[in-house]
């Protein structure tokens, strides 16, 4: 199985049960080994009291892209900690895109950077997530059972 196929199958298994990302309105646009791109159309219910996209919605988009990127190796990975810096507001009606790239995977520990951009290409937020692989896989490979 190629790394691309493994990433796609892992994402399909995760997406099938990801009620939170779907509820917020996210789309899983593409995945690859250590990579994921997700998008979200900013709706009225995503706006805060300032009339801009709520930071928690932006964080959720970045966190979901992070999750799909760090789980792309068919090993269950969870967040250890993450940080976000907001650089410009998300605006109602625009599409936000979160692009996650794994920058390090050593043993079971990974670091993934996520850039969230607005519809005009400006950087809305920068997110860094630290992940830890735990027991389990998203689908059975080579006749092995999955623990997920």
N, C-alpha and C. Protein backbone atom coordinates (compact mmCIF):
# COMPACT_ATOMS: atom_id res chain seq x y z
N UNK A 1 0.85 -1.18 0.00
CA UNK A 1 0.00 0.00 0.00
C UNK A 1 0.89 1.24 0.00
N UNK A 2 0.56 2.20 -0.81
CA UNK A 2 1.36 3.42 -0.87
C UNK A 2 1.03 4.33 0.32
N UNK A 3 1.94 5.22 0.68
CA UNK A 3 1.64 6.18 1.75
C UNK A 3 0.41 7.04 1.44
N UNK A 4 0.20 7.36 0.17
CA UNK A 4 -0.97 8.16 -0.22
C UNK A 4 -2.26 7.39 0.02
N UNK A 5 -2.27 6.11 -0.34
CA UNK A 5 -3.44 5.27 -0.12
C UNK A 5 -3.70 5.10 1.38
N UNK A 6 -2.66 4.91 2.16
CA UNK A 6 -2.79 4.78 3.61
C UNK A 6 -3.41 6.06 4.20
N UNK A 7 -2.93 7.21 3.74
CA UNK A 7 -3.46 8.49 4.24
C UNK A 7 -4.93 8.63 3.87
N UNK A 8 -5.28 8.30 2.64
CA UNK A 8 -6.67 8.41 2.18
C UNK A 8 -7.59 7.49 2.98
N UNK A 9 -7.17 6.25 3.18
CA UNK A 9 -8.01 5.29 3.91
C UNK A 9 -8.13 5.66 5.38
N UNK A 10 -7.05 6.18 5.96
CA UNK A 10 -7.11 6.65 7.36
C UNK A 10 -8.10 7.79 7.48
N UNK A 11 -8.02 8.74 6.54
CA UNK A 11 -8.92 9.90 6.56
C UNK A 11 -10.37 9.47 6.38
N UNK A 12 -10.63 8.53 5.48
CA UNK A 12 -11.99 8.05 5.27
C UNK A 12 -12.56 7.45 6.56
N UNK A 13 -11.74 6.66 7.25
CA UNK A 13 -12.19 6.04 8.49
C UNK A 13 -12.46 7.10 9.56
N UNK A 14 -11.58 8.09 9.67
CA UNK A 14 -11.79 9.15 10.67
C UNK A 14 -13.00 10.01 10.32
N UNK A 15 -13.11 10.40 9.05
CA UNK A 15 -14.19 11.30 8.61
C UNK A 15 -15.56 10.66 8.87
N UNK A 16 -15.63 9.35 8.71
CA UNK A 16 -16.90 8.65 8.90
C UNK A 16 -17.47 8.89 10.30
N UNK A 17 -16.61 9.04 11.29
CA UNK A 17 -17.08 9.25 12.66
C UNK A 17 -16.90 10.66 13.19
N UNK A 18 -16.45 11.57 12.38
CA UNK A 18 -16.13 12.94 12.83
C UNK A 18 -17.37 13.83 12.78
N UNK A 19 -18.22 13.68 13.76
CA UNK A 19 -19.46 14.46 13.80
C UNK A 19 -19.19 15.93 14.09
N UNK A 20 -18.18 16.24 14.88
CA UNK A 20 -17.91 17.63 15.26
C UNK A 20 -17.52 18.48 14.06
N UNK A 21 -16.56 18.00 13.26
CA UNK A 21 -16.12 18.78 12.10
C UNK A 21 -17.26 19.00 11.11
N UNK A 22 -18.06 17.97 10.90
CA UNK A 22 -19.20 18.08 9.99
C UNK A 22 -20.23 19.06 10.55
N UNK A 23 -20.48 19.01 11.85
CA UNK A 23 -21.46 19.89 12.49
C UNK A 23 -21.09 21.36 12.33
N UNK A 24 -19.78 21.65 12.44
CA UNK A 24 -19.31 23.03 12.29
C UNK A 24 -19.41 23.46 10.82
N UNK A 25 -19.38 22.50 9.90
CA UNK A 25 -19.49 22.82 8.48
C UNK A 25 -18.20 22.66 7.70
N UNK A 26 -17.23 21.96 8.27
CA UNK A 26 -15.94 21.78 7.61
C UNK A 26 -16.04 20.77 6.48
N UNK A 27 -15.12 20.93 5.53
CA UNK A 27 -14.95 19.98 4.43
C UNK A 27 -13.50 19.48 4.46
N UNK A 28 -13.35 18.19 4.26
CA UNK A 28 -12.03 17.59 4.12
C UNK A 28 -11.70 17.62 2.63
N UNK A 29 -10.81 18.52 2.23
CA UNK A 29 -10.53 18.74 0.82
C UNK A 29 -9.51 17.76 0.25
N UNK A 30 -8.44 17.52 0.98
CA UNK A 30 -7.41 16.60 0.50
C UNK A 30 -6.54 16.14 1.66
N UNK A 31 -5.99 14.94 1.50
CA UNK A 31 -5.06 14.40 2.49
C UNK A 31 -3.91 13.72 1.77
N UNK A 32 -2.81 13.60 2.46
CA UNK A 32 -1.64 12.87 1.99
C UNK A 32 -0.82 12.50 3.20
N UNK A 33 0.29 11.85 3.01
CA UNK A 33 1.14 11.50 4.15
C UNK A 33 1.60 12.77 4.89
N UNK A 34 1.18 12.91 6.14
CA UNK A 34 1.57 14.06 6.94
C UNK A 34 0.98 15.37 6.46
N UNK A 35 -0.12 15.32 5.72
CA UNK A 35 -0.70 16.53 5.13
C UNK A 35 -2.23 16.43 5.11
N UNK A 36 -2.88 17.57 5.33
CA UNK A 36 -4.33 17.64 5.16
C UNK A 36 -4.72 19.08 4.86
N UNK A 37 -5.75 19.24 4.05
CA UNK A 37 -6.32 20.56 3.78
C UNK A 37 -7.83 20.47 4.02
N UNK A 38 -8.32 21.40 4.86
CA UNK A 38 -9.74 21.46 5.16
C UNK A 38 -10.22 22.88 4.93
N UNK A 39 -11.51 23.03 4.67
CA UNK A 39 -12.06 24.37 4.46
C UNK A 39 -13.40 24.51 5.17
N UNK A 40 -13.80 25.77 5.31
CA UNK A 40 -15.02 26.12 6.02
C UNK A 40 -15.54 27.43 5.48
N UNK A 41 -16.81 27.46 5.12
CA UNK A 41 -17.47 28.71 4.74
C UNK A 41 -17.95 29.37 6.02
N UNK A 42 -17.51 30.59 6.29
CA UNK A 42 -17.89 31.28 7.52
C UNK A 42 -19.34 31.73 7.41
N UNK A 43 -20.18 31.11 8.24
CA UNK A 43 -21.62 31.41 8.26
C UNK A 43 -21.94 32.36 9.41
N UNK A 44 -23.14 32.88 9.42
CA UNK A 44 -23.56 33.82 10.46
C UNK A 44 -23.36 33.25 11.86
N UNK A 45 -23.65 31.96 12.03
CA UNK A 45 -23.52 31.36 13.37
C UNK A 45 -22.07 31.19 13.81
N UNK A 46 -21.11 31.44 12.92
CA UNK A 46 -19.69 31.38 13.27
C UNK A 46 -19.16 32.74 13.75
N UNK A 47 -19.99 33.79 13.63
CA UNK A 47 -19.53 35.14 13.96
C UNK A 47 -19.70 35.43 15.45
N UNK A 48 -18.71 36.16 16.00
CA UNK A 48 -18.77 36.55 17.41
C UNK A 48 -19.42 37.92 17.55
N UNK A 49 -19.36 38.50 18.74
CA UNK A 49 -19.97 39.79 19.01
C UNK A 49 -19.34 40.95 18.27
N UNK A 50 -18.16 40.75 17.70
CA UNK A 50 -17.50 41.79 16.89
C UNK A 50 -17.85 41.66 15.41
N UNK A 51 -18.64 40.65 15.07
CA UNK A 51 -19.01 40.44 13.68
C UNK A 51 -17.94 39.76 12.85
N UNK A 52 -16.97 39.14 13.51
CA UNK A 52 -15.91 38.39 12.82
C UNK A 52 -15.97 36.93 13.26
N UNK A 53 -15.28 36.07 12.54
CA UNK A 53 -15.30 34.64 12.85
C UNK A 53 -14.75 34.40 14.26
N UNK A 54 -15.49 33.66 15.05
CA UNK A 54 -15.09 33.33 16.42
C UNK A 54 -13.76 32.58 16.40
N UNK A 55 -12.87 32.95 17.30
CA UNK A 55 -11.56 32.29 17.37
C UNK A 55 -11.67 30.79 17.61
N UNK A 56 -12.69 30.37 18.34
CA UNK A 56 -12.86 28.94 18.58
C UNK A 56 -13.20 28.18 17.32
N UNK A 57 -13.90 28.81 16.40
CA UNK A 57 -14.22 28.18 15.12
C UNK A 57 -12.95 28.04 14.28
N UNK A 58 -12.13 29.09 14.27
CA UNK A 58 -10.86 29.04 13.54
C UNK A 58 -9.96 27.98 14.15
N UNK A 59 -9.90 27.94 15.48
CA UNK A 59 -9.10 26.92 16.17
C UNK A 59 -9.59 25.52 15.81
N UNK A 60 -10.92 25.33 15.81
CA UNK A 60 -11.47 24.01 15.49
C UNK A 60 -11.09 23.58 14.08
N UNK A 61 -11.13 24.52 13.13
CA UNK A 61 -10.73 24.20 11.75
C UNK A 61 -9.27 23.78 11.69
N UNK A 62 -8.40 24.55 12.34
CA UNK A 62 -6.97 24.22 12.36
C UNK A 62 -6.73 22.89 13.07
N UNK A 63 -7.42 22.65 14.18
CA UNK A 63 -7.25 21.43 14.95
C UNK A 63 -7.70 20.21 14.16
N UNK A 64 -8.78 20.34 13.41
CA UNK A 64 -9.23 19.21 12.59
C UNK A 64 -8.25 18.89 11.48
N UNK A 65 -7.72 19.92 10.82
CA UNK A 65 -6.71 19.68 9.78
C UNK A 65 -5.48 19.01 10.39
N UNK A 66 -5.06 19.49 11.54
CA UNK A 66 -3.95 18.88 12.29
C UNK A 66 -4.23 17.40 12.55
N UNK A 67 -5.44 17.09 13.00
CA UNK A 67 -5.77 15.71 13.32
C UNK A 67 -5.68 14.79 12.11
N UNK A 68 -6.19 15.26 10.97
CA UNK A 68 -6.13 14.41 9.77
C UNK A 68 -4.70 14.25 9.28
N UNK A 69 -3.87 15.27 9.42
CA UNK A 69 -2.47 15.16 8.99
C UNK A 69 -1.70 14.19 9.88
N UNK A 70 -1.84 14.32 11.19
CA UNK A 70 -1.03 13.48 12.07
C UNK A 70 -1.57 12.05 12.20
N UNK A 71 -2.79 11.80 11.73
CA UNK A 71 -3.34 10.45 11.72
C UNK A 71 -3.21 9.78 10.36
N UNK A 72 -2.49 10.39 9.44
CA UNK A 72 -2.42 9.91 8.06
C UNK A 72 -1.55 8.67 7.88
N UNK A 73 -0.91 8.21 8.94
CA UNK A 73 0.00 7.05 8.84
C UNK A 73 -0.67 5.76 9.33
N UNK A 74 -2.00 5.81 9.52
CA UNK A 74 -2.78 4.67 10.03
C UNK A 74 -2.34 4.25 11.42
N UNK A 75 -1.94 5.21 12.21
CA UNK A 75 -1.68 5.02 13.63
C UNK A 75 -2.49 6.08 14.34
N UNK A 76 -3.24 5.69 15.35
CA UNK A 76 -4.07 6.64 16.07
C UNK A 76 -3.15 7.63 16.79
N UNK A 77 -3.38 8.91 16.52
CA UNK A 77 -2.59 9.98 17.14
C UNK A 77 -3.54 10.98 17.78
N UNK A 78 -3.16 11.46 18.94
CA UNK A 78 -3.96 12.44 19.67
C UNK A 78 -3.10 13.66 19.95
N UNK A 79 -3.75 14.77 20.24
CA UNK A 79 -3.03 16.01 20.54
C UNK A 79 -2.47 15.96 21.96
N UNK A 80 -1.21 16.41 22.10
CA UNK A 80 -0.62 16.59 23.42
C UNK A 80 -0.82 18.04 23.86
N UNK A 81 -0.57 18.94 22.95
CA UNK A 81 -0.80 20.37 23.19
C UNK A 81 -0.71 21.08 21.86
N UNK A 82 -1.30 22.28 21.82
CA UNK A 82 -1.21 23.07 20.60
C UNK A 82 -1.39 24.54 20.94
N UNK A 83 -0.93 25.38 20.01
CA UNK A 83 -1.02 26.82 20.18
C UNK A 83 -1.51 27.43 18.87
N UNK A 84 -2.09 28.62 19.00
CA UNK A 84 -2.56 29.32 17.82
C UNK A 84 -2.29 30.81 18.00
N UNK A 85 -1.93 31.44 16.91
CA UNK A 85 -1.79 32.90 16.86
C UNK A 85 -2.74 33.41 15.79
N UNK A 86 -3.60 34.35 16.16
CA UNK A 86 -4.55 34.94 15.22
C UNK A 86 -3.92 36.20 14.63
N UNK A 87 -3.85 36.26 13.31
CA UNK A 87 -3.16 37.36 12.65
C UNK A 87 -4.09 38.32 11.93
N UNK A 88 -5.24 37.84 11.48
CA UNK A 88 -6.25 38.71 10.86
C UNK A 88 -7.60 38.04 11.05
N UNK A 89 -8.67 38.83 11.01
CA UNK A 89 -10.00 38.25 11.27
C UNK A 89 -10.53 37.44 10.09
N UNK A 90 -11.28 36.40 10.43
CA UNK A 90 -12.08 35.70 9.43
C UNK A 90 -13.36 36.48 9.24
N UNK A 91 -13.83 36.59 8.02
CA UNK A 91 -15.00 37.42 7.72
C UNK A 91 -16.19 36.55 7.32
N UNK A 92 -17.36 37.02 7.68
CA UNK A 92 -18.58 36.32 7.30
C UNK A 92 -18.67 36.17 5.79
N UNK A 93 -19.07 34.98 5.34
CA UNK A 93 -19.25 34.72 3.92
C UNK A 93 -18.01 34.25 3.19
N UNK A 94 -16.84 34.36 3.80
CA UNK A 94 -15.63 33.91 3.10
C UNK A 94 -15.33 32.46 3.45
N UNK A 95 -14.49 31.85 2.63
CA UNK A 95 -14.04 30.49 2.88
C UNK A 95 -12.67 30.55 3.54
N UNK A 96 -12.56 29.89 4.70
CA UNK A 96 -11.27 29.74 5.36
C UNK A 96 -10.71 28.37 4.98
N UNK A 97 -9.41 28.32 4.77
CA UNK A 97 -8.74 27.07 4.42
C UNK A 97 -7.62 26.83 5.42
N UNK A 98 -7.57 25.62 5.97
CA UNK A 98 -6.50 25.22 6.89
C UNK A 98 -5.65 24.16 6.20
N UNK A 99 -4.37 24.46 6.07
CA UNK A 99 -3.44 23.52 5.46
C UNK A 99 -2.44 23.07 6.51
N UNK A 100 -2.46 21.77 6.80
CA UNK A 100 -1.62 21.17 7.84
C UNK A 100 -0.48 20.38 7.21
N UNK A 101 0.73 20.62 7.72
CA UNK A 101 1.92 19.89 7.26
C UNK A 101 2.71 19.39 8.45
N UNK A 102 2.94 18.10 8.45
CA UNK A 102 3.77 17.49 9.49
C UNK A 102 5.21 17.95 9.29
N UNK A 103 5.81 18.52 10.32
CA UNK A 103 7.19 18.98 10.21
C UNK A 103 8.16 18.04 10.89
N UNK A 104 7.66 17.18 11.78
CA UNK A 104 8.53 16.23 12.45
C UNK A 104 7.70 15.05 12.95
N UNK A 105 8.22 13.84 12.77
CA UNK A 105 7.65 12.64 13.36
C UNK A 105 8.82 11.78 13.79
N UNK A 106 9.05 11.75 15.09
CA UNK A 106 10.15 10.99 15.67
C UNK A 106 9.57 10.01 16.66
N UNK A 107 9.71 8.73 16.37
CA UNK A 107 9.08 7.73 17.23
C UNK A 107 7.57 7.92 17.17
N UNK A 108 6.97 8.13 18.32
CA UNK A 108 5.52 8.32 18.39
C UNK A 108 5.12 9.78 18.54
N UNK A 109 6.09 10.70 18.54
CA UNK A 109 5.81 12.12 18.76
C UNK A 109 5.95 12.91 17.46
N UNK A 110 4.96 13.77 17.21
CA UNK A 110 4.99 14.57 15.99
C UNK A 110 4.70 16.03 16.25
N UNK A 111 5.14 16.86 15.32
CA UNK A 111 4.81 18.29 15.29
C UNK A 111 4.22 18.60 13.93
N UNK A 112 3.12 19.34 13.94
CA UNK A 112 2.43 19.69 12.70
C UNK A 112 2.10 21.17 12.73
N UNK A 113 2.43 21.87 11.65
CA UNK A 113 2.10 23.28 11.51
C UNK A 113 0.90 23.42 10.60
N UNK A 114 -0.01 24.33 10.99
CA UNK A 114 -1.22 24.58 10.22
C UNK A 114 -1.30 26.08 9.93
N UNK A 115 -1.52 26.40 8.67
CA UNK A 115 -1.75 27.79 8.27
C UNK A 115 -3.20 27.91 7.83
N UNK A 116 -3.91 28.85 8.46
CA UNK A 116 -5.30 29.13 8.08
C UNK A 116 -5.29 30.41 7.26
N UNK A 117 -5.85 30.33 6.07
CA UNK A 117 -5.90 31.50 5.19
C UNK A 117 -7.34 31.87 4.88
N UNK A 118 -7.52 33.15 4.54
CA UNK A 118 -8.82 33.66 4.13
C UNK A 118 -9.00 33.52 2.64
N UNK A 119 -10.17 33.88 2.17
CA UNK A 119 -10.50 33.76 0.75
C UNK A 119 -9.60 34.55 -0.16
N UNK A 120 -8.98 35.61 0.34
CA UNK A 120 -8.08 36.42 -0.48
C UNK A 120 -6.62 36.01 -0.33
N UNK A 121 -6.37 34.91 0.41
CA UNK A 121 -5.01 34.41 0.58
C UNK A 121 -4.27 34.94 1.79
N UNK A 122 -4.85 35.91 2.51
CA UNK A 122 -4.15 36.44 3.69
C UNK A 122 -4.10 35.36 4.77
N UNK A 123 -3.08 35.43 5.61
CA UNK A 123 -2.96 34.49 6.71
C UNK A 123 -3.86 34.96 7.85
N UNK A 124 -4.77 34.09 8.25
CA UNK A 124 -5.70 34.38 9.34
C UNK A 124 -5.12 33.90 10.66
N UNK A 125 -4.49 32.72 10.67
CA UNK A 125 -3.95 32.16 11.90
C UNK A 125 -2.84 31.17 11.60
N UNK A 126 -1.93 31.04 12.56
CA UNK A 126 -0.88 30.03 12.53
C UNK A 126 -1.04 29.15 13.77
N UNK A 127 -1.03 27.85 13.56
CA UNK A 127 -1.30 26.86 14.60
C UNK A 127 -0.16 25.85 14.59
N UNK A 128 0.29 25.44 15.75
CA UNK A 128 1.26 24.34 15.86
C UNK A 128 0.71 23.33 16.83
N UNK A 129 0.66 22.09 16.39
CA UNK A 129 0.15 21.01 17.22
C UNK A 129 1.20 19.95 17.46
N UNK A 130 1.25 19.47 18.68
CA UNK A 130 2.11 18.35 19.04
C UNK A 130 1.22 17.12 19.22
N UNK A 131 1.59 16.04 18.58
CA UNK A 131 0.78 14.82 18.64
C UNK A 131 1.58 13.68 19.24
N UNK A 132 0.82 12.69 19.70
CA UNK A 132 1.42 11.47 20.24
C UNK A 132 0.64 10.30 19.69
N UNK A 133 1.34 9.36 19.05
CA UNK A 133 0.68 8.15 18.56
C UNK A 133 0.45 7.23 19.74
N UNK A 134 -0.77 6.68 19.79
CA UNK A 134 -1.14 5.74 20.85
C UNK A 134 -1.51 4.41 20.20
N UNK A 135 -1.97 3.47 20.99
CA UNK A 135 -2.32 2.16 20.45
C UNK A 135 -3.48 2.27 19.47
N UNK A 136 -3.45 1.47 18.43
CA UNK A 136 -4.57 1.38 17.51
C UNK A 136 -4.25 1.89 16.12
N UNK A 137 -5.12 1.51 15.21
CA UNK A 137 -5.03 1.95 13.82
C UNK A 137 -6.44 2.26 13.33
N UNK A 138 -6.54 2.90 12.19
CA UNK A 138 -7.84 3.31 11.65
C UNK A 138 -8.48 2.22 10.80
N UNK A 139 -7.66 1.36 10.24
CA UNK A 139 -8.18 0.25 9.44
C UNK A 139 -7.13 -0.86 9.49
N UNK A 140 -7.56 -2.07 9.23
CA UNK A 140 -6.67 -3.23 9.28
C UNK A 140 -5.82 -3.28 8.02
N UNK A 141 -4.53 -3.48 8.21
CA UNK A 141 -3.59 -3.66 7.10
C UNK A 141 -3.02 -5.07 7.18
N UNK A 142 -2.83 -5.69 6.02
CA UNK A 142 -2.17 -7.00 5.96
C UNK A 142 -2.78 -8.01 6.91
N UNK A 143 -4.11 -8.01 7.03
CA UNK A 143 -4.77 -9.01 7.85
C UNK A 143 -4.76 -8.72 9.34
N UNK A 144 -4.19 -7.60 9.77
CA UNK A 144 -4.14 -7.27 11.19
C UNK A 144 -5.48 -6.67 11.62
N UNK A 145 -5.82 -6.86 12.89
CA UNK A 145 -7.04 -6.27 13.44
C UNK A 145 -6.77 -4.82 13.83
N UNK A 146 -7.79 -4.00 13.77
CA UNK A 146 -7.68 -2.61 14.19
C UNK A 146 -8.19 -2.47 15.63
N UNK A 147 -7.58 -1.57 16.38
CA UNK A 147 -8.02 -1.31 17.76
C UNK A 147 -8.92 -0.09 17.84
N UNK A 148 -9.11 0.59 16.72
CA UNK A 148 -9.89 1.85 16.76
C UNK A 148 -11.37 1.58 16.76
